[in-house]
């Protein structure tokens, strides 16, 4: 989980869009379909996250691009940073809104004012 959001951190085995690590193949994504928010499952044979409710698929090697199904947008991807001196990977935030949120950056923080 990242900041209370369920996520996938995946080592795809191939250089991937926005991938980090020595092989540029580690990516992170929201665990919820952008269509109606159902949980996703990872299929290592296709490198896709799958929604079992309506059969949508997102290619994790291509930035979470929707390749099958109802969604008309990419899956929110975690912005990851790799520290080559330690091998640590840090999540810095999402590149899009996670399903059901109005502001992913502020969601979950108490005391944040919009004024």
PDB file of N, CA and C in Angstrom:
ATOM      1  N   UNK A   1       0.848  -1.174   0.000  1.00  0.00           N
ATOM      2  CA  UNK A   1       0.000   0.000   0.000  1.00  0.00           C
ATOM      3  C   UNK A   1       0.894   1.238   0.000  1.00  0.00           C
ATOM      4  N   UNK A   2       0.417   2.300  -0.619  1.00  0.00           N
ATOM      5  CA  UNK A   2       1.123   3.579  -0.657  1.00  0.00           C
ATOM      6  C   UNK A   2       0.136   4.649  -0.205  1.00  0.00           C
ATOM      7  N   UNK A   3       0.429   5.299   0.901  1.00  0.00           N
ATOM      8  CA  UNK A   3      -0.416   6.365   1.449  1.00  0.00           C
ATOM      9  C   UNK A   3      -1.870   5.902   1.592  1.00  0.00           C
ATOM     10  N   UNK A   4      -2.087   4.636   1.921  1.00  0.00           N
ATOM     11  CA  UNK A   4      -3.431   4.110   2.093  1.00  0.00           C
ATOM     12  C   UNK A   4      -4.066   3.571   0.828  1.00  0.00           C
ATOM     13  N   UNK A   5      -3.402   3.703  -0.315  1.00  0.00           N
ATOM     14  CA  UNK A   5      -3.909   3.176  -1.586  1.00  0.00           C
ATOM     15  C   UNK A   5      -3.293   1.808  -1.841  1.00  0.00           C
ATOM     16  N   UNK A   6      -4.110   0.859  -2.270  1.00  0.00           N
ATOM     17  CA  UNK A   6      -3.576  -0.439  -2.650  1.00  0.00           C
ATOM     18  C   UNK A   6      -2.890  -0.307  -4.005  1.00  0.00           C
ATOM     19  N   UNK A   7      -1.681  -0.856  -4.106  1.00  0.00           N
ATOM     20  CA  UNK A   7      -0.894  -0.733  -5.333  1.00  0.00           C
ATOM     21  C   UNK A   7      -0.226  -2.062  -5.666  1.00  0.00           C
ATOM     22  N   UNK A   8       0.229  -2.156  -6.887  1.00  0.00           N
ATOM     23  CA  UNK A   8       1.089  -3.240  -7.344  1.00  0.00           C
ATOM     24  C   UNK A   8       2.466  -2.660  -7.622  1.00  0.00           C
ATOM     25  N   UNK A   9       3.500  -3.333  -7.140  1.00  0.00           N
ATOM     26  CA  UNK A   9       4.873  -3.052  -7.542  1.00  0.00           C
ATOM     27  C   UNK A   9       5.304  -4.296  -8.309  1.00  0.00           C
ATOM     28  N   UNK A  10       5.677  -4.116  -9.557  1.00  0.00           N
ATOM     29  CA  UNK A  10       5.891  -5.252 -10.462  1.00  0.00           C
ATOM     30  C   UNK A  10       7.266  -5.161 -11.110  1.00  0.00           C
ATOM     31  N   UNK A  11       7.978  -6.273 -11.110  1.00  0.00           N
ATOM     32  CA  UNK A  11       9.215  -6.415 -11.891  1.00  0.00           C
ATOM     33  C   UNK A  11       8.809  -7.151 -13.159  1.00  0.00           C
ATOM     34  N   UNK A  12       8.732  -6.401 -14.263  1.00  0.00           N
ATOM     35  CA  UNK A  12       8.166  -6.945 -15.496  1.00  0.00           C
ATOM     36  C   UNK A  12       9.112  -7.878 -16.250  1.00  0.00           C
ATOM     37  N   UNK A  13      10.413  -7.725 -16.030  1.00  0.00           N
ATOM     38  CA  UNK A  13      11.381  -8.541 -16.755  1.00  0.00           C
ATOM     39  C   UNK A  13      11.804  -7.956 -18.093  1.00  0.00           C
ATOM     40  N   UNK A  14      11.192  -6.834 -18.480  1.00  0.00           N
ATOM     41  CA  UNK A  14      11.562  -6.131 -19.719  1.00  0.00           C
ATOM     42  C   UNK A  14      11.575  -4.631 -19.428  1.00  0.00           C
ATOM     43  N   UNK A  15      12.413  -3.866 -20.135  1.00  0.00           N
ATOM     44  CA  UNK A  15      12.372  -2.411 -19.926  1.00  0.00           C
ATOM     45  C   UNK A  15      10.941  -1.908 -20.125  1.00  0.00           C
ATOM     46  N   UNK A  16      10.461  -1.116 -19.166  1.00  0.00           N
ATOM     47  CA  UNK A  16       9.063  -0.688 -19.167  1.00  0.00           C
ATOM     48  C   UNK A  16       8.968   0.825 -19.048  1.00  0.00           C
ATOM     49  N   UNK A  17       7.896   1.380 -19.605  1.00  0.00           N
ATOM     50  CA  UNK A  17       7.693   2.823 -19.565  1.00  0.00           C
ATOM     51  C   UNK A  17       7.677   3.312 -18.118  1.00  0.00           C
ATOM     52  N   UNK A  18       8.529   4.280 -17.823  1.00  0.00           N
ATOM     53  CA  UNK A  18       8.708   4.840 -16.482  1.00  0.00           C
ATOM     54  C   UNK A  18       9.263   3.821 -15.484  1.00  0.00           C
ATOM     55  N   UNK A  19       9.852   2.745 -15.990  1.00  0.00           N
ATOM     56  CA  UNK A  19      10.433   1.727 -15.114  1.00  0.00           C
ATOM     57  C   UNK A  19      11.711   2.214 -14.458  1.00  0.00           C
ATOM     58  N   UNK A  20      11.974   1.713 -13.261  1.00  0.00           N
ATOM     59  CA  UNK A  20      13.180   2.074 -12.525  1.00  0.00           C
ATOM     60  C   UNK A  20      13.964   0.805 -12.201  1.00  0.00           C
ATOM     61  N   UNK A  21      15.116   1.000 -11.580  1.00  0.00           N
ATOM     62  CA  UNK A  21      15.997  -0.120 -11.258  1.00  0.00           C
ATOM     63  C   UNK A  21      17.032  -0.299 -12.340  1.00  0.00           C
ATOM     64  N   UNK A  22      17.981  -1.192 -12.114  1.00  0.00           N
ATOM     65  CA  UNK A  22      19.073  -1.387 -13.077  1.00  0.00           C
ATOM     66  C   UNK A  22      18.582  -1.782 -14.470  1.00  0.00           C
ATOM     67  N   UNK A  23      17.463  -2.508 -14.540  1.00  0.00           N
ATOM     68  CA  UNK A  23      16.939  -2.975 -15.824  1.00  0.00           C
ATOM     69  C   UNK A  23      15.747  -2.151 -16.314  1.00  0.00           C
ATOM     70  N   UNK A  24      15.426  -1.067 -15.595  1.00  0.00           N
ATOM     71  CA  UNK A  24      14.283  -0.209 -15.957  1.00  0.00           C
ATOM     72  C   UNK A  24      12.996  -1.014 -16.105  1.00  0.00           C
ATOM     73  N   UNK A  25      12.843  -2.033 -15.238  1.00  0.00           N
ATOM     74  CA  UNK A  25      11.688  -2.927 -15.370  1.00  0.00           C
ATOM     75  C   UNK A  25      10.832  -3.026 -14.108  1.00  0.00           C
ATOM     76  N   UNK A  26      11.010  -2.099 -13.160  1.00  0.00           N
ATOM     77  CA  UNK A  26      10.195  -2.103 -11.953  1.00  0.00           C
ATOM     78  C   UNK A  26       9.222  -0.932 -12.042  1.00  0.00           C
ATOM     79  N   UNK A  27       7.930  -1.254 -11.971  1.00  0.00           N
ATOM     80  CA  UNK A  27       6.876  -0.253 -12.107  1.00  0.00           C
ATOM     81  C   UNK A  27       5.853  -0.436 -10.987  1.00  0.00           C
ATOM     82  N   UNK A  28       5.069   0.596 -10.755  1.00  0.00           N
ATOM     83  CA  UNK A  28       4.009   0.525  -9.751  1.00  0.00           C
ATOM     84  C   UNK A  28       2.728   1.140 -10.284  1.00  0.00           C
ATOM     85  N   UNK A  29       1.591   0.539  -9.903  1.00  0.00           N
ATOM     86  CA  UNK A  29       0.284   0.992 -10.388  1.00  0.00           C
ATOM     87  C   UNK A  29      -0.776   0.875  -9.313  1.00  0.00           C
ATOM     88  N   UNK A  30      -1.829   1.673  -9.461  1.00  0.00           N
ATOM     89  CA  UNK A  30      -3.013   1.527  -8.622  1.00  0.00           C
ATOM     90  C   UNK A  30      -3.570   0.121  -8.799  1.00  0.00           C
ATOM     91  N   UNK A  31      -4.137  -0.429  -7.731  1.00  0.00           N
ATOM     92  CA  UNK A  31      -4.697  -1.782  -7.773  1.00  0.00           C
ATOM     93  C   UNK A  31      -6.177  -1.784  -8.139  1.00  0.00           C
ATOM     94  N   UNK A  32      -6.704  -0.613  -8.601  1.00  0.00           N
ATOM     95  CA  UNK A  32      -8.130  -0.511  -8.895  1.00  0.00           C
ATOM     96  C   UNK A  32      -8.388  -0.043 -10.320  1.00  0.00           C
ATOM     97  N   UNK A  33      -9.303  -0.711 -10.979  1.00  0.00           N
ATOM     98  CA  UNK A  33      -9.681  -0.384 -12.354  1.00  0.00           C
ATOM     99  C   UNK A  33     -10.243   1.034 -12.417  1.00  0.00           C
ATOM    100  N   UNK A  34      -9.883   1.776 -13.465  1.00  0.00           N
ATOM    101  CA  UNK A  34     -10.379   3.140 -13.613  1.00  0.00           C
ATOM    102  C   UNK A  34     -11.831   3.175 -14.087  1.00  0.00           C
ATOM    103  N   UNK A  35     -12.364   2.061 -14.561  1.00  0.00           N
ATOM    104  CA  UNK A  35     -13.743   2.031 -15.055  1.00  0.00           C
ATOM    105  C   UNK A  35     -14.744   2.166 -13.914  1.00  0.00           C
ATOM    106  N   UNK A  36     -14.693   1.244 -12.925  1.00  0.00           N
ATOM    107  CA  UNK A  36     -15.636   1.286 -11.803  1.00  0.00           C
ATOM    108  C   UNK A  36     -14.974   0.956 -10.465  1.00  0.00           C
ATOM    109  N   UNK A  37     -13.651   0.937 -10.433  1.00  0.00           N
ATOM    110  CA  UNK A  37     -12.951   0.776  -9.171  1.00  0.00           C
ATOM    111  C   UNK A  37     -12.808  -0.641  -8.648  1.00  0.00           C
ATOM    112  N   UNK A  38     -13.045  -1.638  -9.481  1.00  0.00           N
ATOM    113  CA  UNK A  38     -12.894  -3.019  -9.024  1.00  0.00           C
ATOM    114  C   UNK A  38     -11.419  -3.375  -8.881  1.00  0.00           C
ATOM    115  N   UNK A  39     -11.089  -4.289  -7.963  1.00  0.00           N
ATOM    116  CA  UNK A  39      -9.691  -4.699  -7.773  1.00  0.00           C
ATOM    117  C   UNK A  39      -9.145  -5.405  -9.016  1.00  0.00           C
ATOM    118  N   UNK A  40      -7.866  -5.195  -9.251  1.00  0.00           N
ATOM    119  CA  UNK A  40      -7.179  -5.800 -10.395  1.00  0.00           C
ATOM    120  C   UNK A  40      -6.331  -6.980  -9.944  1.00  0.00           C
ATOM    121  N   UNK A  41      -6.013  -7.849 -10.891  1.00  0.00           N
ATOM    122  CA  UNK A  41      -5.089  -8.966 -10.684  1.00  0.00           C
ATOM    123  C   UNK A  41      -3.994  -8.872 -11.729  1.00  0.00           C
ATOM    124  N   UNK A  42      -2.788  -9.295 -11.342  1.00  0.00           N
ATOM    125  CA  UNK A  42      -1.649  -9.252 -12.269  1.00  0.00           C
ATOM    126  C   UNK A  42      -1.490 -10.579 -12.980  1.00  0.00           C
ATOM    127  N   UNK A  43      -1.312 -10.523 -14.300  1.00  0.00           N
ATOM    128  CA  UNK A  43      -1.034 -11.709 -15.113  1.00  0.00           C
ATOM    129  C   UNK A  43       0.393 -11.599 -15.644  1.00  0.00           C
ATOM    130  N   UNK A  44       1.338 -12.360 -15.052  1.00  0.00           N
ATOM    131  CA  UNK A  44       2.735 -12.261 -15.490  1.00  0.00           C
ATOM    132  C   UNK A  44       2.960 -12.765 -16.917  1.00  0.00           C
ATOM    133  N   UNK A  45       2.044 -13.555 -17.456  1.00  0.00           N
ATOM    134  CA  UNK A  45       2.203 -14.049 -18.828  1.00  0.00           C
ATOM    135  C   UNK A  45       2.009 -12.958 -19.868  1.00  0.00           C
ATOM    136  N   UNK A  46       1.183 -11.964 -19.542  1.00  0.00           N
ATOM    137  CA  UNK A  46       0.919 -10.881 -20.490  1.00  0.00           C
ATOM    138  C   UNK A  46       1.458  -9.537 -20.006  1.00  0.00           C
ATOM    139  N   UNK A  47       1.973  -9.490 -18.769  1.00  0.00           N
ATOM    140  CA  UNK A  47       2.389  -8.222 -18.139  1.00  0.00           C
ATOM    141  C   UNK A  47       1.231  -7.232 -18.131  1.00  0.00           C
ATOM    142  N   UNK A  48       0.035  -7.747 -17.857  1.00  0.00           N
ATOM    143  CA  UNK A  48      -1.152  -6.904 -17.775  1.00  0.00           C
ATOM    144  C   UNK A  48      -1.805  -7.034 -16.410  1.00  0.00           C
ATOM    145  N   UNK A  49      -2.407  -5.929 -15.970  1.00  0.00           N
ATOM    146  CA  UNK A  49      -3.316  -5.961 -14.824  1.00  0.00           C
ATOM    147  C   UNK A  49      -4.708  -6.150 -15.387  1.00  0.00           C
ATOM    148  N   UNK A  50      -5.458  -7.085 -14.796  1.00  0.00           N
ATOM    149  CA  UNK A  50      -6.753  -7.497 -15.322  1.00  0.00           C
ATOM    150  C   UNK A  50      -7.871  -7.176 -14.347  1.00  0.00           C
ATOM    151  N   UNK A  51      -8.981  -6.653 -14.861  1.00  0.00           N
ATOM    152  CA  UNK A  51     -10.183  -6.462 -14.067  1.00  0.00           C
ATOM    153  C   UNK A  51     -11.110  -7.632 -14.359  1.00  0.00           C
ATOM    154  N   UNK A  52     -11.378  -8.424 -13.345  1.00  0.00           N
ATOM    155  CA  UNK A  52     -12.199  -9.616 -13.550  1.00  0.00           C
ATOM    156  C   UNK A  52     -13.690  -9.298 -13.624  1.00  0.00           C
ATOM    157  N   UNK A  53     -14.079  -8.063 -13.273  1.00  0.00           N
ATOM    158  CA  UNK A  53     -15.494  -7.704 -13.328  1.00  0.00           C
ATOM    159  C   UNK A  53     -15.953  -7.472 -14.765  1.00  0.00           C
ATOM    160  N   UNK A  54     -15.193  -6.675 -15.519  1.00  0.00           N
ATOM    161  CA  UNK A  54     -15.593  -6.359 -16.892  1.00  0.00           C
ATOM    162  C   UNK A  54     -14.505  -6.684 -17.910  1.00  0.00           C
ATOM    163  N   UNK A  55     -13.465  -7.393 -17.466  1.00  0.00           N
ATOM    164  CA  UNK A  55     -12.413  -7.944 -18.340  1.00  0.00           C
ATOM    165  C   UNK A  55     -11.518  -6.898 -19.000  1.00  0.00           C
ATOM    166  N   UNK A  56     -11.378  -5.738 -18.384  1.00  0.00           N
ATOM    167  CA  UNK A  56     -10.436  -4.744 -18.885  1.00  0.00           C
ATOM    168  C   UNK A  56      -9.016  -5.203 -18.594  1.00  0.00           C
ATOM    169  N   UNK A  57      -8.068  -4.761 -19.431  1.00  0.00           N
ATOM    170  CA  UNK A  57      -6.658  -5.096 -19.242  1.00  0.00           C
ATOM    171  C   UNK A  57      -5.812  -3.845 -19.453  1.00  0.00           C
ATOM    172  N   UNK A  58      -4.771  -3.728 -18.610  1.00  0.00           N
ATOM    173  CA  UNK A  58      -3.839  -2.608 -18.681  1.00  0.00           C
ATOM    174  C   UNK A  58      -2.435  -3.152 -18.823  1.00  0.00           C
ATOM    175  N   UNK A  59      -1.697  -2.699 -19.816  1.00  0.00           N
ATOM    176  CA  UNK A  59      -0.329  -3.150 -20.054  1.00  0.00           C
ATOM    177  C   UNK A  59       0.631  -2.377 -19.160  1.00  0.00           C
ATOM    178  N   UNK A  60       1.266  -3.065 -18.203  1.00  0.00           N
ATOM    179  CA  UNK A  60       2.154  -2.389 -17.253  1.00  0.00           C
ATOM    180  C   UNK A  60       3.512  -2.041 -17.859  1.00  0.00           C
ATOM    181  N   UNK A  61       3.841  -2.587 -19.016  1.00  0.00           N
ATOM    182  CA  UNK A  61       5.102  -2.225 -19.676  1.00  0.00           C
ATOM    183  C   UNK A  61       4.932  -0.969 -20.525  1.00  0.00           C
ATOM    184  N   UNK A  62       3.690  -0.576 -20.771  1.00  0.00           N
ATOM    185  CA  UNK A  62       3.387   0.583 -21.621  1.00  0.00           C
ATOM    186  C   UNK A  62       2.699   1.692 -20.834  1.00  0.00           C
ATOM    187  N   UNK A  63       3.110   1.862 -19.586  1.00  0.00           N
ATOM    188  CA  UNK A  63       2.593   2.962 -18.776  1.00  0.00           C
ATOM    189  C   UNK A  63       1.178   2.775 -18.279  1.00  0.00           C
ATOM    190  N   UNK A  64       0.689   1.526 -18.243  1.00  0.00           N
ATOM    191  CA  UNK A  64      -0.678   1.268 -17.780  1.00  0.00           C
ATOM    192  C   UNK A  64      -1.726   1.532 -18.845  1.00  0.00           C
ATOM    193  N   UNK A  65      -1.302   1.471 -20.118  1.00  0.00           N
ATOM    194  CA  UNK A  65      -2.233   1.706 -21.215  1.00  0.00           C
ATOM    195  C   UNK A  65      -3.330   0.652 -21.227  1.00  0.00           C
ATOM    196  N   UNK A  66      -4.571   1.094 -21.388  1.00  0.00           N
ATOM    197  CA  UNK A  66      -5.694   0.176 -21.496  1.00  0.00           C
ATOM    198  C   UNK A  66      -5.627  -0.489 -22.869  1.00  0.00           C
ATOM    199  N   UNK A  67      -5.609  -1.821 -22.876  1.00  0.00           N
ATOM    200  CA  UNK A  67      -5.504  -2.544 -24.145  1.00  0.00           C
ATOM    201  C   UNK A  67      -6.765  -3.317 -24.490  1.00  0.00           C
ATOM    202  N   UNK A  68      -7.615  -3.574 -23.489  1.00  0.00           N
ATOM    203  CA  UNK A  68      -8.891  -4.267 -23.702  1.00  0.00           C
ATOM    204  C   UNK A  68      -9.887  -3.710 -22.700  1.00  0.00           C
ATOM    205  N   UNK A  69     -11.135  -3.538 -23.106  1.00  0.00           N
ATOM    206  CA  UNK A  69     -12.186  -3.237 -22.147  1.00  0.00           C
ATOM    207  C   UNK A  69     -12.756  -1.840 -22.196  1.00  0.00           C
ATOM    208  N   UNK A  70     -13.495  -1.495 -21.141  1.00  0.00           N
ATOM    209  CA  UNK A  70     -14.278  -0.266 -21.053  1.00  0.00           C
ATOM    210  C   UNK A  70     -13.489   1.024 -20.823  1.00  0.00           C
ATOM    211  N   UNK A  71     -12.415   0.999 -20.048  1.00  0.00           N
ATOM    212  CA  UNK A  71     -11.767   2.275 -19.708  1.00  0.00           C
ATOM    213  C   UNK A  71     -11.269   3.013 -20.943  1.00  0.00           C
ATOM    214  N   UNK A  72     -11.297   4.336 -20.846  1.00  0.00           N
ATOM    215  CA  UNK A  72     -10.766   5.151 -21.938  1.00  0.00           C
ATOM    216  C   UNK A  72      -9.581   5.974 -21.455  1.00  0.00           C
ATOM    217  N   UNK A  73      -8.907   5.457 -20.423  1.00  0.00           N
ATOM    218  CA  UNK A  73      -7.748   6.161 -19.888  1.00  0.00           C
ATOM    219  C   UNK A  73      -6.743   5.168 -19.326  1.00  0.00           C
ATOM    220  N   UNK A  74      -5.538   5.658 -19.106  1.00  0.00           N
ATOM    221  CA  UNK A  74      -4.473   4.838 -18.548  1.00  0.00           C
ATOM    222  C   UNK A  74      -4.736   4.585 -17.062  1.00  0.00           C
ATOM    223  N   UNK A  75      -4.191   3.488 -16.564  1.00  0.00           N
ATOM    224  CA  UNK A  75      -4.223   3.184 -15.140  1.00  0.00           C
ATOM    225  C   UNK A  75      -3.251   4.119 -14.420  1.00  0.00           C
ATOM    226  N   UNK A  76      -3.614   4.681 -13.257  1.00  0.00           N
ATOM    227  CA  UNK A  76      -2.683   5.539 -12.534  1.00  0.00           C
ATOM    228  C   UNK A  76      -1.390   4.798 -12.183  1.00  0.00           C
ATOM    229  N   UNK A  77      -0.272   5.396 -12.562  1.00  0.00           N
ATOM    230  CA  UNK A  77       1.037   4.795 -12.322  1.00  0.00           C
ATOM    231  C   UNK A  77       1.737   5.542 -11.193  1.00  0.00           C
ATOM    232  N   UNK A  78       2.413   4.775 -10.344  1.00  0.00           N
ATOM    233  CA  UNK A  78       3.236   5.381  -9.307  1.00  0.00           C
ATOM    234  C   UNK A  78       4.491   5.972  -9.939  1.00  0.00           C
ATOM    235  N   UNK A  79       4.868   7.134  -9.477  1.00  0.00           N
ATOM    236  CA  UNK A  79       6.136   7.725  -9.880  1.00  0.00           C
ATOM    237  C   UNK A  79       7.171   7.174  -8.909  1.00  0.00           C
ATOM    238  N   UNK A  80       8.079   6.369  -9.426  1.00  0.00           N
ATOM    239  CA  UNK A  80       9.079   5.711  -8.591  1.00  0.00           C
ATOM    240  C   UNK A  80      10.444   6.341  -8.792  1.00  0.00           C
ATOM    241  N   UNK A  81      11.232   6.310  -7.736  1.00  0.00           N
ATOM    242  CA  UNK A  81      12.611   6.791  -7.788  1.00  0.00           C
ATOM    243  C   UNK A  81      13.511   5.678  -7.269  1.00  0.00           C
ATOM    244  N   UNK A  82      14.607   5.439  -7.964  1.00  0.00           N
ATOM    245  CA  UNK A  82      15.552   4.372  -7.621  1.00  0.00           C
ATOM    246  C   UNK A  82      16.853   4.983  -7.113  1.00  0.00           C
ATOM    247  N   UNK A  83      17.298   4.535  -5.931  1.00  0.00           N
ATOM    248  CA  UNK A  83      18.579   4.965  -5.360  1.00  0.00           C
ATOM    249  C   UNK A  83      19.603   3.881  -5.678  1.00  0.00           C
ATOM    250  N   UNK A  84      20.456   4.135  -6.659  1.00  0.00           N
ATOM    251  CA  UNK A  84      21.407   3.110  -7.112  1.00  0.00           C
ATOM    252  C   UNK A  84      22.459   2.793  -6.058  1.00  0.00           C
ATOM    253  N   UNK A  85      22.695   3.692  -5.120  1.00  0.00           N
ATOM    254  CA  UNK A  85      23.711   3.427  -4.092  1.00  0.00           C
ATOM    255  C   UNK A  85      23.219   2.435  -3.039  1.00  0.00           C
ATOM    256  N   UNK A  86      21.904   2.383  -2.822  1.00  0.00           N
ATOM    257  CA  UNK A  86      21.358   1.471  -1.805  1.00  0.00           C
ATOM    258  C   UNK A  86      20.471   0.382  -2.398  1.00  0.00           C
ATOM    259  N   UNK A  87      19.982   0.606  -3.624  1.00  0.00           N
ATOM    260  CA  UNK A  87      19.039  -0.331  -4.231  1.00  0.00           C
ATOM    261  C   UNK A  87      17.604  -0.087  -3.780  1.00  0.00           C
ATOM    262  N   UNK A  88      17.383   0.969  -2.995  1.00  0.00           N
ATOM    263  CA  UNK A  88      16.031   1.277  -2.510  1.00  0.00           C
ATOM    264  C   UNK A  88      15.206   1.937  -3.600  1.00  0.00           C
ATOM    265  N   UNK A  89      13.898   1.692  -3.537  1.00  0.00           N
ATOM    266  CA  UNK A  89      12.947   2.316  -4.458  1.00  0.00           C
ATOM    267  C   UNK A  89      11.938   3.088  -3.617  1.00  0.00           C
ATOM    268  N   UNK A  90      11.674   4.319  -4.022  1.00  0.00           N
ATOM    269  CA  UNK A  90      10.750   5.193  -3.302  1.00  0.00           C
ATOM    270  C   UNK A  90       9.590   5.567  -4.204  1.00  0.00           C
ATOM    271  N   UNK A  91       8.379   5.581  -3.645  1.00  0.00           N
ATOM    272  CA  UNK A  91       7.201   6.061  -4.373  1.00  0.00           C
ATOM    273  C   UNK A  91       7.019   7.535  -4.052  1.00  0.00           C
ATOM    274  N   UNK A  92       6.891   8.362  -5.091  1.00  0.00           N
ATOM    275  CA  UNK A  92       6.766   9.803  -4.923  1.00  0.00           C
ATOM    276  C   UNK A  92       5.340  10.300  -5.110  1.00  0.00           C
ATOM    277  N   UNK A  93       4.472   9.484  -5.684  1.00  0.00           N
ATOM    278  CA  UNK A  93       3.089   9.881  -5.936  1.00  0.00           C
ATOM    279  C   UNK A  93       2.567   9.186  -7.175  1.00  0.00           C
ATOM    280  N   UNK A  94       1.350   9.517  -7.564  1.00  0.00           N
ATOM    281  CA  UNK A  94       0.721   8.969  -8.770  1.00  0.00           C
ATOM    282  C   UNK A  94       0.770  10.004  -9.896  1.00  0.00           C
ATOM    283  N   UNK A  95       0.725   9.521 -11.117  1.00  0.00           N
ATOM    284  CA  UNK A  95       0.703  10.425 -12.267  1.00  0.00           C
ATOM    285  C   UNK A  95      -0.719  10.782 -12.711  1.00  0.00           C
ATOM    286  N   UNK A  96      -1.738  10.149 -12.114  1.00  0.00           N
ATOM    287  CA  UNK A  96      -3.156  10.418 -12.412  1.00  0.00           C
ATOM    288  C   UNK A  96      -3.969  10.200 -11.142  1.00  0.00           C
ATOM    289  N   UNK A  97      -5.232  10.598 -11.181  1.00  0.00           N
ATOM    290  CA  UNK A  97      -6.107  10.352 -10.042  1.00  0.00           C
ATOM    291  C   UNK A  97      -6.455   8.879  -9.944  1.00  0.00           C
ATOM    292  N   UNK A  98      -6.403   8.350  -8.733  1.00  0.00           N
ATOM    293  CA  UNK A  98      -6.831   6.980  -8.453  1.00  0.00           C
ATOM    294  C   UNK A  98      -8.353   6.978  -8.431  1.00  0.00           C
ATOM    295  N   UNK A  99      -8.955   5.878  -8.876  1.00  0.00           N
ATOM    296  CA  UNK A  99     -10.414   5.784  -8.937  1.00  0.00           C
ATOM    297  C   UNK A  99     -11.039   6.208  -7.604  1.00  0.00           C
ATOM    298  N   UNK A 100     -12.046   7.066  -7.666  1.00  0.00           N
ATOM    299  CA  UNK A 100     -12.784   7.471  -6.478  1.00  0.00           C
ATOM    300  C   UNK A 100     -12.195   8.640  -5.718  1.00  0.00           C
ATOM    301  N   UNK A 101     -11.089   9.227  -6.195  1.00  0.00           N
ATOM    302  CA  UNK A 101     -10.491  10.355  -5.488  1.00  0.00           C
ATOM    303  C   UNK A 101     -10.664  11.626  -6.304  1.00  0.00           C
ATOM    304  N   UNK A 102     -10.606  12.740  -5.631  1.00  0.00           N
ATOM    305  CA  UNK A 102     -10.670  14.031  -6.302  1.00  0.00           C
ATOM    306  C   UNK A 102      -9.316  14.723  -6.264  1.00  0.00           C
ATOM    307  N   UNK A 103      -8.428  14.271  -5.379  1.00  0.00           N
ATOM    308  CA  UNK A 103      -7.097  14.861  -5.288  1.00  0.00           C
ATOM    309  C   UNK A 103      -6.182  13.827  -4.636  1.00  0.00           C
ATOM    310  N   UNK A 104      -5.541  12.992  -5.428  1.00  0.00           N
ATOM    311  CA  UNK A 104      -4.708  11.919  -4.899  1.00  0.00           C
ATOM    312  C   UNK A 104      -3.610  12.451  -3.992  1.00  0.00           C
ATOM    313  N   UNK A 105      -3.078  13.625  -4.280  1.00  0.00           N
ATOM    314  CA  UNK A 105      -1.974  14.162  -3.488  1.00  0.00           C
ATOM    315  C   UNK A 105      -2.395  14.487  -2.063  1.00  0.00           C
ATOM    316  N   UNK A 106      -3.636  14.918  -1.859  1.00  0.00           N
ATOM    317  CA  UNK A 106      -4.073  15.346  -0.536  1.00  0.00           C
ATOM    318  C   UNK A 106      -4.966  14.329   0.163  1.00  0.00           C
ATOM    319  N   UNK A 107      -5.431  13.329  -0.556  1.00  0.00           N
ATOM    320  CA  UNK A 107      -6.343  12.350   0.020  1.00  0.00           C
ATOM    321  C   UNK A 107      -5.711  11.694   1.235  1.00  0.00           C
ATOM    322  N   UNK A 108      -6.434  11.620   2.321  1.00  0.00           N
ATOM    323  CA  UNK A 108      -5.927  10.942   3.511  1.00  0.00           C
ATOM    324  C   UNK A 108      -5.220  11.843   4.498  1.00  0.00           C
ATOM    325  N   UNK A 109      -4.909  13.075   4.124  1.00  0.00           N
ATOM    326  CA  UNK A 109      -4.239  13.984   5.047  1.00  0.00           C
ATOM    327  C   UNK A 109      -5.280  14.793   5.810  1.00  0.00           C
ATOM    328  N   UNK A 110      -5.119  14.859   7.115  1.00  0.00           N
ATOM    329  CA  UNK A 110      -6.027  15.657   7.937  1.00  0.00           C
ATOM    330  C   UNK A 110      -5.447  17.053   8.105  1.00  0.00           C
ATOM    331  N   UNK A 111      -6.295  18.031   8.156  1.00  0.00           N
ATOM    332  CA  UNK A 111      -5.857  19.385   8.399  1.00  0.00           C
ATOM    333  C   UNK A 111      -5.430  20.145   7.158  1.00  0.00           C
ATOM    334  N   UNK A 112      -5.590  19.552   5.989  1.00  0.00           N
ATOM    335  CA  UNK A 112      -5.233  20.253   4.757  1.00  0.00           C
ATOM    336  C   UNK A 112      -6.404  21.131   4.357  1.00  0.00           C
ATOM    337  N   UNK A 113      -6.135  22.382   4.148  1.00  0.00           N
ATOM    338  CA  UNK A 113      -7.186  23.331   3.796  1.00  0.00           C
ATOM    339  C   UNK A 113      -7.065  23.715   2.327  1.00  0.00           C
ATOM    340  N   UNK A 114      -8.202  23.923   1.698  1.00  0.00           N
ATOM    341  CA  UNK A 114      -8.184  24.338   0.295  1.00  0.00           C
ATOM    342  C   UNK A 114      -8.231  25.858   0.176  1.00  0.00           C
ATOM    343  N   UNK A 115      -8.224  26.574   1.287  1.00  0.00           N
ATOM    344  CA  UNK A 115      -8.283  28.035   1.231  1.00  0.00           C
ATOM    345  C   UNK A 115      -6.912  28.648   1.320  1.00  0.00           C
TER     346      UNK A 115
END
